[in-house]
N, C-alpha and C. Protein backbone atom coordinates (compact mmCIF):
# COMPACT_ATOMS: atom_id res chain seq x y z
N MET A 1 195.02 241.84 73.40
CA MET A 1 194.66 241.99 74.39
C MET A 1 194.78 241.43 75.40
N ASN A 2 195.77 241.82 76.14
CA ASN A 2 195.95 241.36 77.76
C ASN A 2 194.81 240.83 78.53
N LYS A 3 195.24 239.78 79.10
CA LYS A 3 194.48 238.63 79.75
C LYS A 3 194.58 239.65 81.21
N THR A 4 193.52 238.88 82.26
CA THR A 4 194.09 239.61 83.93
C THR A 4 194.42 238.13 84.13
N ILE A 5 195.73 237.89 85.36
CA ILE A 5 196.08 237.02 85.92
C ILE A 5 195.57 237.05 87.08
N SER A 6 194.40 236.22 87.94
CA SER A 6 194.33 236.24 89.37
C SER A 6 194.35 235.55 89.74
N VAL A 7 194.98 235.56 91.39
CA VAL A 7 195.46 234.52 92.26
C VAL A 7 195.02 234.45 93.16
N ILE A 8 194.62 233.25 93.45
CA ILE A 8 193.45 232.59 95.03
C ILE A 8 194.07 231.75 95.42
N LEU A 9 194.38 232.42 96.55
CA LEU A 9 195.09 231.62 97.76
C LEU A 9 194.27 231.17 98.69
N THR A 10 194.23 230.12 98.95
CA THR A 10 193.05 228.99 100.15
C THR A 10 193.74 228.93 101.39
N ALA A 11 193.46 229.97 102.39
CA ALA A 11 193.65 230.26 103.70
C ALA A 11 192.44 230.11 105.10
N ALA A 12 191.95 229.38 104.16
CA ALA A 12 190.84 229.25 105.32
C ALA A 12 190.51 227.88 106.69
N GLY A 13 191.80 226.87 106.17
CA GLY A 13 191.80 225.83 106.78
C GLY A 13 192.25 226.07 108.54
N ASN A 14 191.51 224.66 109.18
CA ASN A 14 191.75 224.84 110.35
C ASN A 14 192.97 224.56 110.86
N GLY A 15 193.90 224.09 110.06
CA GLY A 15 194.92 223.31 110.86
C GLY A 15 195.17 222.13 111.85
N SER A 16 194.05 221.57 111.75
CA SER A 16 194.19 220.57 112.65
C SER A 16 195.28 219.51 112.60
N ARG A 17 195.66 219.09 111.61
CA ARG A 17 196.77 217.95 111.85
C ARG A 17 198.19 218.44 111.96
N ILE A 18 198.31 219.92 112.49
CA ILE A 18 199.97 220.72 112.61
C ILE A 18 199.01 221.58 114.55
N GLY A 19 197.98 221.12 114.82
CA GLY A 19 197.82 221.41 115.87
C GLY A 19 198.01 223.44 115.91
N ALA A 20 197.65 223.93 114.98
CA ALA A 20 198.09 225.75 115.48
C ALA A 20 197.03 225.68 113.65
N HIS A 21 196.95 227.49 114.07
CA HIS A 21 196.49 228.29 113.23
C HIS A 21 197.41 228.52 111.73
N LYS A 22 197.51 227.45 110.77
CA LYS A 22 198.68 227.39 110.36
C LYS A 22 199.02 228.59 109.93
N ILE A 23 198.88 229.55 108.46
CA ILE A 23 198.98 230.42 108.34
C ILE A 23 199.18 231.61 108.83
N LEU A 24 198.98 231.39 109.93
CA LEU A 24 199.22 232.91 111.04
C LEU A 24 200.76 232.60 112.10
N MET A 25 201.50 231.13 111.59
CA MET A 25 201.70 230.41 112.94
C MET A 25 203.57 230.96 112.03
N LEU A 26 204.05 231.67 113.73
CA LEU A 26 205.37 232.34 113.21
C LEU A 26 206.40 231.47 112.47
N ILE A 27 206.88 231.27 110.92
CA ILE A 27 208.75 230.94 110.90
C ILE A 27 210.21 232.04 110.64
N LYS A 28 210.96 231.55 111.86
CA LYS A 28 211.81 233.29 111.93
C LYS A 28 211.59 234.09 112.08
N GLY A 29 209.80 234.59 112.71
CA GLY A 29 209.24 235.68 113.28
C GLY A 29 208.19 236.47 112.33
N LYS A 30 207.92 235.56 111.01
CA LYS A 30 207.35 235.46 110.38
C LYS A 30 205.98 235.23 110.24
N PRO A 31 204.91 235.18 109.92
CA PRO A 31 203.68 234.42 109.89
C PRO A 31 203.83 233.50 108.64
N LEU A 32 203.18 232.53 108.36
CA LEU A 32 203.68 231.40 107.20
C LEU A 32 203.04 232.42 105.85
N ILE A 33 202.09 233.04 106.37
CA ILE A 33 201.34 233.27 104.69
C ILE A 33 202.35 234.48 104.39
N TRP A 34 203.08 235.29 105.46
CA TRP A 34 203.76 236.49 104.75
C TRP A 34 205.12 235.83 103.32
N TYR A 35 205.62 234.81 104.17
CA TYR A 35 205.88 234.24 102.69
C TYR A 35 205.40 233.66 101.57
N THR A 36 204.42 232.75 101.68
CA THR A 36 203.73 232.93 100.21
C THR A 36 203.59 234.11 99.43
N LEU A 37 202.97 235.46 100.44
CA LEU A 37 202.73 236.77 99.81
C LEU A 37 203.77 237.37 98.86
N LYS A 38 204.75 236.94 99.75
CA LYS A 38 206.14 237.77 99.38
C LYS A 38 206.82 237.03 98.34
N HIS A 39 206.47 235.81 97.58
CA HIS A 39 206.89 235.30 96.40
C HIS A 39 205.98 235.85 95.47
N PHE A 40 204.36 235.36 96.20
CA PHE A 40 203.78 236.65 94.17
C PHE A 40 203.82 237.66 94.64
N SER A 41 204.36 238.35 95.56
CA SER A 41 204.63 239.84 95.32
C SER A 41 205.61 240.49 94.12
N ARG A 42 206.89 239.31 94.13
CA ARG A 42 207.79 239.09 92.99
C ARG A 42 207.39 239.11 91.16
N VAL A 43 206.07 238.58 91.11
CA VAL A 43 205.96 238.20 90.28
C VAL A 43 205.06 239.69 89.42
N GLU A 44 204.99 240.06 88.41
CA GLU A 44 204.67 241.33 87.86
C GLU A 44 203.80 240.95 87.20
N ARG A 45 203.33 239.71 86.28
CA ARG A 45 202.11 239.95 85.52
C ARG A 45 201.17 239.30 85.96
N VAL A 46 200.88 238.75 87.54
CA VAL A 46 199.68 238.87 88.79
C VAL A 46 199.55 240.29 88.46
N ASP A 47 197.98 240.55 88.35
CA ASP A 47 196.91 241.70 88.54
C ASP A 47 196.48 241.29 89.45
N GLU A 48 195.77 240.50 90.24
CA GLU A 48 195.19 240.62 91.77
C GLU A 48 195.71 239.27 92.42
N THR A 49 195.43 239.40 93.45
CA THR A 49 195.71 238.36 94.73
C THR A 49 194.42 238.42 95.66
N ILE A 50 193.97 237.17 95.72
CA ILE A 50 192.68 236.93 96.53
C ILE A 50 193.08 236.45 97.50
N VAL A 51 193.05 236.66 98.76
CA VAL A 51 193.34 235.52 100.13
C VAL A 51 191.72 234.92 100.41
N VAL A 52 191.28 233.96 100.69
CA VAL A 52 190.29 232.98 101.27
C VAL A 52 190.10 232.82 102.31
N ALA A 53 189.71 233.27 103.82
CA ALA A 53 189.95 233.35 104.40
C ALA A 53 188.67 233.26 105.58
N LYS A 54 189.29 232.83 107.09
CA LYS A 54 187.94 233.31 108.35
C LYS A 54 188.45 234.72 108.03
N GLN A 55 186.58 235.12 108.21
CA GLN A 55 186.64 236.80 108.34
C GLN A 55 187.46 237.62 109.68
N GLU A 56 187.39 236.49 110.47
CA GLU A 56 188.60 236.91 111.72
C GLU A 56 189.72 237.36 111.92
N ASP A 57 190.54 237.24 110.69
CA ASP A 57 191.92 236.92 110.25
C ASP A 57 191.79 238.15 109.21
N PHE A 58 191.08 238.71 108.25
CA PHE A 58 190.96 239.56 107.40
C PHE A 58 192.26 240.63 107.47
N GLU A 59 191.49 241.69 108.89
CA GLU A 59 192.56 242.54 109.43
C GLU A 59 193.89 242.49 109.71
N LYS A 60 194.33 241.28 109.86
CA LYS A 60 195.79 240.34 110.15
C LYS A 60 195.92 240.18 109.19
N LEU A 61 195.93 239.83 107.95
CA LEU A 61 195.66 239.01 106.46
C LEU A 61 196.27 240.49 106.14
N HIS A 62 195.34 241.71 106.00
CA HIS A 62 195.91 242.94 105.10
C HIS A 62 197.00 243.59 105.44
N SER A 63 197.83 243.42 107.26
CA SER A 63 198.17 243.74 107.73
C SER A 63 200.01 242.96 107.12
N ILE A 64 199.48 242.19 107.42
CA ILE A 64 200.52 240.41 106.81
C ILE A 64 200.99 241.28 105.60
N ALA A 65 200.10 241.62 104.90
CA ALA A 65 200.23 241.34 103.02
C ALA A 65 201.12 243.11 102.80
N LYS A 66 200.45 244.03 103.41
CA LYS A 66 201.22 245.15 103.39
C LYS A 66 202.68 245.22 103.57
N ASP A 67 203.02 244.40 105.12
CA ASP A 67 204.43 244.25 105.44
C ASP A 67 205.36 243.37 103.97
N ALA A 68 204.63 242.66 103.59
CA ALA A 68 204.93 241.60 102.25
C ALA A 68 205.09 242.58 101.05
N GLY A 69 204.61 243.90 101.50
CA GLY A 69 204.95 244.63 99.47
C GLY A 69 203.59 244.37 98.93
N ILE A 70 202.58 243.55 99.20
CA ILE A 70 201.55 243.43 98.18
C ILE A 70 200.17 243.35 98.68
N SER A 71 199.35 244.48 97.52
CA SER A 71 197.63 244.59 98.24
C SER A 71 197.17 243.15 98.25
N ILE A 72 196.01 242.77 98.45
CA ILE A 72 195.28 242.05 98.68
C ILE A 72 193.96 242.36 98.55
N LYS A 73 193.38 240.60 98.45
CA LYS A 73 191.53 241.02 98.44
C LYS A 73 191.24 240.20 99.15
N THR A 74 190.40 240.36 100.20
CA THR A 74 190.14 239.25 101.56
C THR A 74 188.72 238.56 101.07
N VAL A 75 188.13 237.48 101.35
CA VAL A 75 187.10 236.98 100.80
C VAL A 75 186.99 235.46 101.83
N LYS A 76 185.56 235.52 102.35
CA LYS A 76 185.55 234.56 103.29
C LYS A 76 185.09 233.68 102.66
N GLY A 77 185.88 232.71 103.76
CA GLY A 77 186.06 231.15 102.99
C GLY A 77 184.70 230.55 103.26
N GLY A 78 183.95 228.94 102.59
CA GLY A 78 183.34 228.59 103.17
C GLY A 78 183.66 226.76 103.71
N SER A 79 183.03 225.96 103.92
CA SER A 79 183.18 225.07 104.98
C SER A 79 183.85 223.88 104.30
N GLU A 80 184.11 223.93 103.18
CA GLU A 80 184.96 222.93 102.05
C GLU A 80 185.96 224.36 101.59
N ARG A 81 187.26 223.45 100.79
CA ARG A 81 187.94 223.85 100.46
C ARG A 81 187.73 224.64 98.92
N ILE A 82 186.94 223.36 98.44
CA ILE A 82 186.10 223.74 97.00
C ILE A 82 184.99 224.93 97.04
N ILE A 83 184.96 225.17 98.10
CA ILE A 83 183.51 226.05 98.17
C ILE A 83 184.64 227.25 98.39
N SER A 84 185.58 227.15 99.44
CA SER A 84 186.10 228.75 99.20
C SER A 84 187.19 229.13 98.56
N GLU A 85 187.53 228.27 97.65
CA GLU A 85 188.40 228.35 96.30
C GLU A 85 187.27 229.47 95.15
N TYR A 86 186.02 228.32 94.79
CA TYR A 86 184.88 228.87 94.34
C TYR A 86 184.12 230.46 94.58
N ASN A 87 184.35 231.05 96.17
CA ASN A 87 184.17 232.05 96.89
C ASN A 87 185.28 232.92 95.89
N GLY A 88 186.69 232.68 96.29
CA GLY A 88 187.58 233.26 95.28
C GLY A 88 187.51 233.74 94.57
N VAL A 89 187.51 232.49 93.28
CA VAL A 89 187.40 232.45 91.85
C VAL A 89 186.16 233.40 91.48
N MET A 90 185.50 233.53 91.98
CA MET A 90 183.32 234.47 91.84
C MET A 90 184.24 235.76 92.09
N ALA A 91 184.71 236.14 93.39
CA ALA A 91 185.36 237.39 93.17
C ALA A 91 186.09 237.94 93.13
N SER A 92 187.07 237.11 91.90
CA SER A 92 188.18 237.52 91.34
C SER A 92 187.51 238.16 89.86
N LYS A 93 188.30 238.68 89.77
CA LYS A 93 188.08 239.65 87.71
C LYS A 93 188.83 238.76 86.77
N GLY A 94 189.82 237.56 86.66
CA GLY A 94 190.57 237.24 85.94
C GLY A 94 190.31 236.42 85.45
N ASP A 95 190.85 236.59 83.45
CA ASP A 95 190.61 235.68 82.59
C ASP A 95 191.32 234.39 83.06
N PHE A 96 192.31 234.36 83.47
CA PHE A 96 193.16 233.43 84.17
C PHE A 96 192.90 233.01 85.23
N ILE A 97 192.83 232.11 85.81
CA ILE A 97 193.23 231.90 87.67
C ILE A 97 194.35 231.30 87.54
N ILE A 98 194.79 231.17 88.82
CA ILE A 98 196.08 230.85 89.07
C ILE A 98 195.68 230.44 91.12
N THR A 99 195.53 229.04 91.23
CA THR A 99 195.15 228.51 92.46
C THR A 99 196.72 228.11 93.25
N HIS A 100 196.32 228.86 94.55
CA HIS A 100 197.50 228.23 95.56
C HIS A 100 196.95 227.63 97.09
N ASP A 101 197.96 227.41 97.61
CA ASP A 101 197.47 226.81 98.75
C ASP A 101 198.29 227.92 99.56
N GLY A 102 197.74 228.90 100.48
CA GLY A 102 198.35 229.80 101.31
C GLY A 102 199.20 229.41 102.29
N CYS A 103 199.02 227.88 102.54
CA CYS A 103 200.19 227.06 103.28
C CYS A 103 201.14 226.83 102.70
N ARG A 104 201.66 226.61 101.87
CA ARG A 104 202.48 226.53 100.93
C ARG A 104 203.39 227.62 100.79
N PRO A 105 204.42 227.85 101.19
CA PRO A 105 205.24 229.03 101.60
C PRO A 105 206.88 229.50 100.49
N PHE A 106 206.64 228.47 99.67
CA PHE A 106 208.08 229.24 99.07
C PHE A 106 207.92 228.62 97.90
N PRO A 107 206.72 229.22 96.98
CA PRO A 107 206.83 229.02 95.26
C PRO A 107 207.81 229.61 94.75
N PRO A 108 208.51 228.78 94.13
CA PRO A 108 209.35 230.16 93.49
C PRO A 108 209.27 230.97 92.35
N LYS A 109 209.70 232.38 92.10
CA LYS A 109 208.95 233.18 91.02
C LYS A 109 209.29 232.79 89.74
N ARG A 110 210.22 231.50 89.55
CA ARG A 110 210.31 231.05 88.08
C ARG A 110 209.15 230.05 87.47
N VAL A 111 208.51 229.21 88.80
CA VAL A 111 207.47 228.40 88.68
C VAL A 111 206.55 228.98 88.67
N ILE A 112 206.28 230.18 89.05
CA ILE A 112 204.53 230.94 89.10
C ILE A 112 204.94 231.01 87.74
N GLU A 113 205.83 231.89 86.97
CA GLU A 113 205.78 232.67 85.37
C GLU A 113 205.16 231.71 84.47
N ASN A 114 206.03 230.30 85.26
CA ASN A 114 206.28 229.13 83.96
C ASN A 114 204.20 228.42 84.18
N VAL A 115 204.35 228.58 85.21
CA VAL A 115 202.02 228.37 85.08
C VAL A 115 201.55 228.96 84.47
N ILE A 116 202.03 230.70 84.52
CA ILE A 116 201.13 231.95 83.89
C ILE A 116 201.34 231.78 82.38
N SER A 117 202.54 231.48 81.93
CA SER A 117 202.98 231.72 80.54
C SER A 117 201.62 229.68 80.18
N ALA A 118 202.26 228.62 80.45
CA ALA A 118 202.05 227.93 79.67
C ALA A 118 200.21 228.14 80.38
N VAL A 119 199.37 228.78 81.14
CA VAL A 119 197.70 228.64 81.18
C VAL A 119 197.23 229.65 80.07
N ILE A 120 198.22 230.17 79.78
CA ILE A 120 197.64 231.48 78.04
C ILE A 120 197.76 230.65 77.35
N LYS A 121 198.45 229.32 77.11
CA LYS A 121 198.62 228.42 75.91
C LYS A 121 197.83 226.90 76.24
N TYR A 122 197.69 226.48 77.56
CA TYR A 122 196.94 225.24 77.83
C TYR A 122 195.70 225.52 78.53
N PRO A 123 194.90 225.07 78.61
CA PRO A 123 193.24 225.08 79.30
C PRO A 123 193.39 224.83 80.64
N ALA A 124 194.70 223.84 81.15
CA ALA A 124 194.62 223.37 82.14
C ALA A 124 196.18 223.19 82.62
N VAL A 125 196.71 223.78 83.64
CA VAL A 125 198.19 223.32 84.41
C VAL A 125 198.54 223.31 85.58
N THR A 126 199.23 222.05 86.04
CA THR A 126 199.44 222.02 87.72
C THR A 126 200.95 221.69 87.43
N VAL A 127 201.41 221.57 88.59
CA VAL A 127 202.93 221.65 88.67
C VAL A 127 203.20 220.69 89.84
N GLY A 128 204.05 219.58 89.35
CA GLY A 128 204.94 218.63 89.84
C GLY A 128 206.32 218.34 90.32
N VAL A 129 206.53 217.44 91.10
CA VAL A 129 208.30 217.10 90.62
C VAL A 129 208.40 215.49 90.71
N HIS A 130 209.21 214.74 90.71
CA HIS A 130 208.95 213.36 90.25
C HIS A 130 209.89 213.15 91.74
N PRO A 131 208.98 212.17 92.43
CA PRO A 131 209.24 211.63 93.79
C PRO A 131 210.86 210.92 93.53
N THR A 132 211.28 210.79 94.37
CA THR A 132 212.92 210.65 94.85
C THR A 132 212.88 209.31 95.23
N THR A 133 211.97 208.34 95.63
CA THR A 133 211.86 206.92 95.80
C THR A 133 210.80 206.18 95.23
N SER A 134 210.55 204.75 95.35
CA SER A 134 209.89 204.11 94.89
C SER A 134 208.03 203.96 94.99
N ILE A 135 207.68 204.28 94.09
CA ILE A 135 205.93 205.10 94.27
C ILE A 135 204.90 203.47 94.46
N LYS A 136 204.64 203.02 94.72
CA LYS A 136 203.82 202.37 94.76
C LYS A 136 201.92 202.01 95.18
N TYR A 137 201.38 201.66 94.07
CA TYR A 137 199.98 201.50 94.39
C TYR A 137 199.39 200.25 95.22
N SER A 138 198.12 200.29 95.96
CA SER A 138 197.29 199.31 96.68
C SER A 138 196.56 199.72 96.89
N THR A 139 195.28 199.04 96.99
CA THR A 139 193.80 199.51 97.16
C THR A 139 193.91 198.23 98.51
N GLY A 140 194.66 198.01 99.43
CA GLY A 140 194.79 196.91 100.61
C GLY A 140 195.95 197.09 100.95
N SER A 141 195.89 195.93 101.73
CA SER A 141 197.29 195.54 102.29
C SER A 141 198.51 195.12 101.41
N TYR A 142 198.40 195.28 100.24
CA TYR A 142 199.20 194.16 99.29
C TYR A 142 199.44 194.91 97.83
N ILE A 143 201.22 195.16 98.08
CA ILE A 143 201.50 195.98 96.65
C ILE A 143 200.68 195.44 95.56
N GLN A 144 199.81 196.05 94.48
CA GLN A 144 199.21 195.89 93.38
C GLN A 144 199.89 196.19 92.32
N LYS A 145 200.75 196.94 92.51
CA LYS A 145 201.89 197.43 91.46
C LYS A 145 202.81 198.75 91.56
N SER A 146 204.21 198.59 91.09
CA SER A 146 205.39 199.54 90.83
C SER A 146 204.77 200.70 90.24
N LEU A 147 205.03 201.73 90.15
CA LEU A 147 205.09 202.89 89.30
C LEU A 147 206.39 203.47 89.14
N THR A 148 206.53 203.61 87.51
CA THR A 148 208.15 203.80 87.32
C THR A 148 208.51 205.81 87.53
N ARG A 149 209.19 205.82 88.14
CA ARG A 149 209.52 207.62 89.05
C ARG A 149 210.23 208.40 87.56
N LYS A 150 210.09 207.52 86.27
CA LYS A 150 210.22 208.36 85.57
C LYS A 150 208.20 208.98 85.21
N TYR A 151 207.61 208.53 85.38
CA TYR A 151 206.53 208.86 84.50
C TYR A 151 205.50 209.27 86.03
N THR A 152 205.69 209.21 87.24
CA THR A 152 205.16 209.57 88.12
C THR A 152 205.62 210.84 88.77
N TYR A 153 205.00 211.75 89.37
CA TYR A 153 204.72 213.12 89.96
C TYR A 153 203.83 213.39 91.01
N MET A 154 204.78 214.18 91.64
CA MET A 154 204.23 214.34 93.28
C MET A 154 203.53 215.84 93.32
N GLY A 155 201.64 216.00 93.07
CA GLY A 155 201.42 217.32 92.74
C GLY A 155 201.95 218.41 94.09
N GLN A 156 202.11 219.67 92.91
CA GLN A 156 202.08 220.86 93.89
C GLN A 156 201.21 222.00 93.15
N THR A 157 201.07 222.78 93.94
CA THR A 157 200.62 224.50 93.25
C THR A 157 201.35 225.55 93.47
N PRO A 158 201.55 226.30 92.42
CA PRO A 158 200.63 226.62 92.01
C PRO A 158 199.75 225.74 90.56
N GLN A 159 198.76 225.80 90.32
CA GLN A 159 198.10 225.87 89.32
C GLN A 159 197.18 226.76 88.79
N GLY A 160 196.82 226.70 86.89
CA GLY A 160 196.55 227.31 86.19
C GLY A 160 195.47 227.15 85.24
N PHE A 161 194.26 227.76 85.42
CA PHE A 161 193.06 227.65 84.83
C PHE A 161 192.60 228.58 83.32
N ARG A 162 191.80 228.18 82.73
CA ARG A 162 190.88 229.75 82.42
C ARG A 162 189.75 229.60 83.26
N ARG A 163 189.37 231.02 83.22
CA ARG A 163 188.19 231.11 84.03
C ARG A 163 187.28 230.40 84.06
N ASN A 164 186.55 229.92 82.57
CA ASN A 164 185.35 229.68 82.60
C ASN A 164 185.23 227.90 83.47
N ILE A 165 186.66 227.10 82.65
CA ILE A 165 187.07 225.47 82.91
C ILE A 165 186.99 225.90 84.78
N ILE A 166 187.84 226.42 85.36
CA ILE A 166 187.52 226.07 86.89
C ILE A 166 186.63 226.43 87.64
N ILE A 167 185.92 227.38 87.06
CA ILE A 167 184.21 227.72 87.75
C ILE A 167 183.36 226.58 87.61
N ASN A 168 183.31 226.10 86.29
CA ASN A 168 182.74 224.87 86.17
C ASN A 168 182.90 223.37 86.73
N ALA A 169 184.60 223.30 87.18
CA ALA A 169 184.58 222.40 87.97
C ALA A 169 184.61 222.46 89.06
N LEU A 170 184.14 223.82 89.34
CA LEU A 170 184.00 223.56 91.25
C LEU A 170 182.51 223.45 91.13
N LYS A 171 181.92 224.15 90.62
CA LYS A 171 180.67 224.35 90.42
C LYS A 171 179.69 222.52 90.99
N LYS A 172 180.81 222.16 89.74
CA LYS A 172 180.28 220.83 89.82
C LYS A 172 180.23 219.53 90.91
N ASN A 173 181.89 219.62 90.92
CA ASN A 173 182.01 219.21 92.41
C ASN A 173 181.31 220.00 93.70
N ILE A 174 181.23 220.64 94.23
CA ILE A 174 180.70 221.66 94.73
C ILE A 174 179.00 220.85 95.06
N LYS A 175 178.37 221.07 93.70
CA LYS A 175 176.76 220.23 93.35
C LYS A 175 176.22 219.42 93.95
N LYS A 176 177.70 218.16 93.41
CA LYS A 176 177.81 216.62 94.24
C LYS A 176 177.84 216.58 95.22
N LYS A 177 178.61 217.96 95.67
CA LYS A 177 179.50 217.28 97.40
C LYS A 177 180.19 216.50 97.34
N PHE A 178 181.19 216.64 96.35
CA PHE A 178 182.19 215.87 96.23
C PHE A 178 183.77 216.52 96.87
N TYR A 179 183.75 216.64 98.17
CA TYR A 179 184.68 217.12 98.96
C TYR A 179 185.68 216.42 99.56
N ILE A 180 185.76 215.58 98.82
CA ILE A 180 187.26 214.46 99.14
C ILE A 180 187.96 214.91 98.29
N PRO A 181 189.46 215.16 99.76
CA PRO A 181 190.92 216.21 99.15
C PRO A 181 190.94 215.25 97.87
N THR A 182 191.76 216.66 97.32
CA THR A 182 192.15 216.41 96.17
C THR A 182 192.89 217.51 95.80
N ASP A 183 193.58 217.91 94.30
CA ASP A 183 193.62 218.98 93.89
C ASP A 183 192.52 219.49 92.44
N ASP A 184 192.74 220.97 92.07
CA ASP A 184 192.06 221.50 91.12
C ASP A 184 192.24 220.97 90.16
N ALA A 185 193.44 220.34 89.58
CA ALA A 185 193.84 219.83 88.34
C ALA A 185 193.44 218.52 88.22
N GLU A 186 192.32 217.51 89.15
CA GLU A 186 192.24 216.57 89.39
C GLU A 186 190.64 216.58 89.24
N LEU A 187 190.53 217.43 89.75
CA LEU A 187 188.63 218.37 89.35
C LEU A 187 188.38 218.11 88.19
N VAL A 188 189.45 219.07 87.12
CA VAL A 188 189.26 219.44 85.75
C VAL A 188 189.98 218.26 84.75
N ALA A 189 190.50 217.40 85.54
CA ALA A 189 191.12 216.42 84.38
C ALA A 189 189.45 215.45 83.86
N ASN A 190 189.41 215.72 85.54
CA ASN A 190 187.54 214.46 85.84
C ASN A 190 186.70 215.03 84.79
N MET A 191 186.70 216.11 84.64
CA MET A 191 185.99 216.63 83.36
C MET A 191 186.29 216.28 81.68
N GLY A 192 187.35 215.45 81.92
CA GLY A 192 188.12 215.14 80.39
C GLY A 192 188.87 216.46 79.65
N ILE A 193 189.16 216.75 80.52
CA ILE A 193 190.14 218.35 80.27
C ILE A 193 191.52 217.96 80.69
N LYS A 194 192.19 218.37 79.45
CA LYS A 194 193.99 217.52 79.64
C LYS A 194 194.40 218.59 80.41
N VAL A 195 195.70 218.18 81.38
CA VAL A 195 196.31 219.16 82.10
C VAL A 195 197.45 219.08 81.61
N ARG A 196 197.95 220.35 81.76
CA ARG A 196 199.56 220.23 81.13
C ARG A 196 200.26 220.20 82.66
N ILE A 197 201.17 219.68 82.45
CA ILE A 197 202.46 219.57 83.52
C ILE A 197 203.63 220.43 83.52
N VAL A 198 203.69 221.65 84.59
CA VAL A 198 204.91 222.24 84.75
C VAL A 198 205.69 221.52 85.41
N GLN A 199 207.20 221.30 85.27
CA GLN A 199 207.67 221.03 86.44
C GLN A 199 208.07 221.92 87.85
N GLY A 200 207.74 221.35 89.07
CA GLY A 200 208.13 222.09 90.02
C GLY A 200 209.41 221.99 90.50
N ASP A 201 208.88 222.43 92.34
CA ASP A 201 210.95 222.86 92.85
C ASP A 201 210.59 222.18 94.54
N GLU A 202 211.32 221.05 94.69
CA GLU A 202 211.21 220.64 96.19
C GLU A 202 211.26 221.30 96.89
N VAL A 203 211.42 223.08 96.67
CA VAL A 203 211.23 223.80 98.15
C VAL A 203 210.08 224.26 98.14
N ASN A 204 209.22 224.05 97.50
CA ASN A 204 207.81 224.14 96.97
C ASN A 204 207.41 223.31 98.16
N ILE A 205 207.49 223.62 99.63
CA ILE A 205 206.85 222.04 100.35
C ILE A 205 205.51 222.85 101.14
N LYS A 206 205.00 222.09 101.15
CA LYS A 206 202.94 222.37 101.73
C LYS A 206 203.54 222.14 103.54
N VAL A 207 203.65 223.09 104.60
CA VAL A 207 203.32 222.81 105.93
C VAL A 207 202.08 222.50 106.07
N THR A 208 202.38 220.86 106.89
CA THR A 208 200.96 220.56 106.73
C THR A 208 201.03 219.49 108.72
N HIS A 209 202.44 219.20 108.59
CA HIS A 209 202.68 218.81 109.85
C HIS A 209 204.15 219.28 110.57
N PRO A 210 203.56 218.70 112.30
CA PRO A 210 204.79 219.76 112.71
C PRO A 210 205.96 219.59 112.11
N LYS A 211 206.24 218.43 111.62
CA LYS A 211 208.15 218.90 110.79
C LYS A 211 208.12 219.40 109.92
N ASP A 212 207.18 220.14 108.71
CA ASP A 212 207.01 220.54 108.61
C ASP A 212 207.73 221.83 108.60
N VAL A 213 207.58 222.11 109.92
CA VAL A 213 207.88 223.79 110.16
C VAL A 213 209.22 223.32 110.58
N PHE A 214 210.07 222.44 110.25
CA PHE A 214 211.25 222.51 110.72
C PHE A 214 211.69 222.30 109.18
N ILE A 215 211.67 221.59 108.47
CA ILE A 215 211.75 221.87 107.74
C ILE A 215 211.96 223.30 106.99
N ALA A 216 210.65 223.82 106.80
CA ALA A 216 210.43 225.03 106.52
C ALA A 216 211.54 225.93 106.93
N GLU A 217 212.05 225.88 108.16
CA GLU A 217 212.80 226.92 108.52
C GLU A 217 214.04 226.38 108.00
N LYS A 218 214.86 225.29 108.22
CA LYS A 218 215.46 224.87 107.12
C LYS A 218 216.18 225.42 105.43
N ILE A 219 214.57 225.35 104.77
CA ILE A 219 214.78 226.15 104.35
C ILE A 219 215.77 227.66 103.83
N LEU A 220 214.18 228.27 104.47
CA LEU A 220 215.30 229.88 104.77
C LEU A 220 216.37 229.66 105.21
N GLU A 221 217.09 228.89 105.71
CA GLU A 221 218.69 228.81 106.06
C GLU A 221 219.56 228.76 105.22
N VAL A 222 219.04 227.70 104.59
CA VAL A 222 219.66 227.56 103.28
C VAL A 222 219.42 228.50 102.22
N TYR A 223 218.37 228.43 102.10
CA TYR A 223 218.27 229.02 100.22
C TYR A 223 217.39 230.80 100.50
N LYS A 224 217.40 230.60 101.91
CA LYS A 224 217.19 232.45 101.62
C LYS A 224 215.56 232.58 100.92
N ALA A 225 214.58 232.07 100.92
CA ALA A 225 213.50 232.41 100.58
C ALA A 225 212.93 233.04 100.64
């Protein structure tokens, strides 16, 4: 029996670190989230795409989605990221849930497809790339230890979960008001569930700071993302 794949794009943030409404800011003439939607539009295995956003952005988002060639459902976000995500998951129909940062505009098709393939086999899946510089661990002003690059990853999205697993993880952390910034894979791992890792891609950046806009523009020039 075929299982339904739902994608949840979180796009309700304020963009305080970049000083602009990130998902709607223009990069090479297109809103940032246009690129995110365009990449997911290329994945045939996705059954529905839900964008969790501010209600005042709904009309604009549907227009952007139409231009990107994808149909979306919009859901109102909450005061915290995990609340927004919970709203999106509960509005979805998926047996498997793929979560992704709306401001991560260049997820390669093969990475999305690899996450979908993996989550059908494993309860939870995350994406990561090995760091290119030394990773140091510190609890204060002094280095406690160095972590071998071979065994460390920088986390990315998309991430994939069986429906009941991500719902339970979000419910648990919302109940205890655990709003410290982290990713969904960490919330699930803290419940004792093993998270499978899938190789990500260096172009799959998250636009957070002003310099990231410049990097995104250069990625578009080189990779035609």
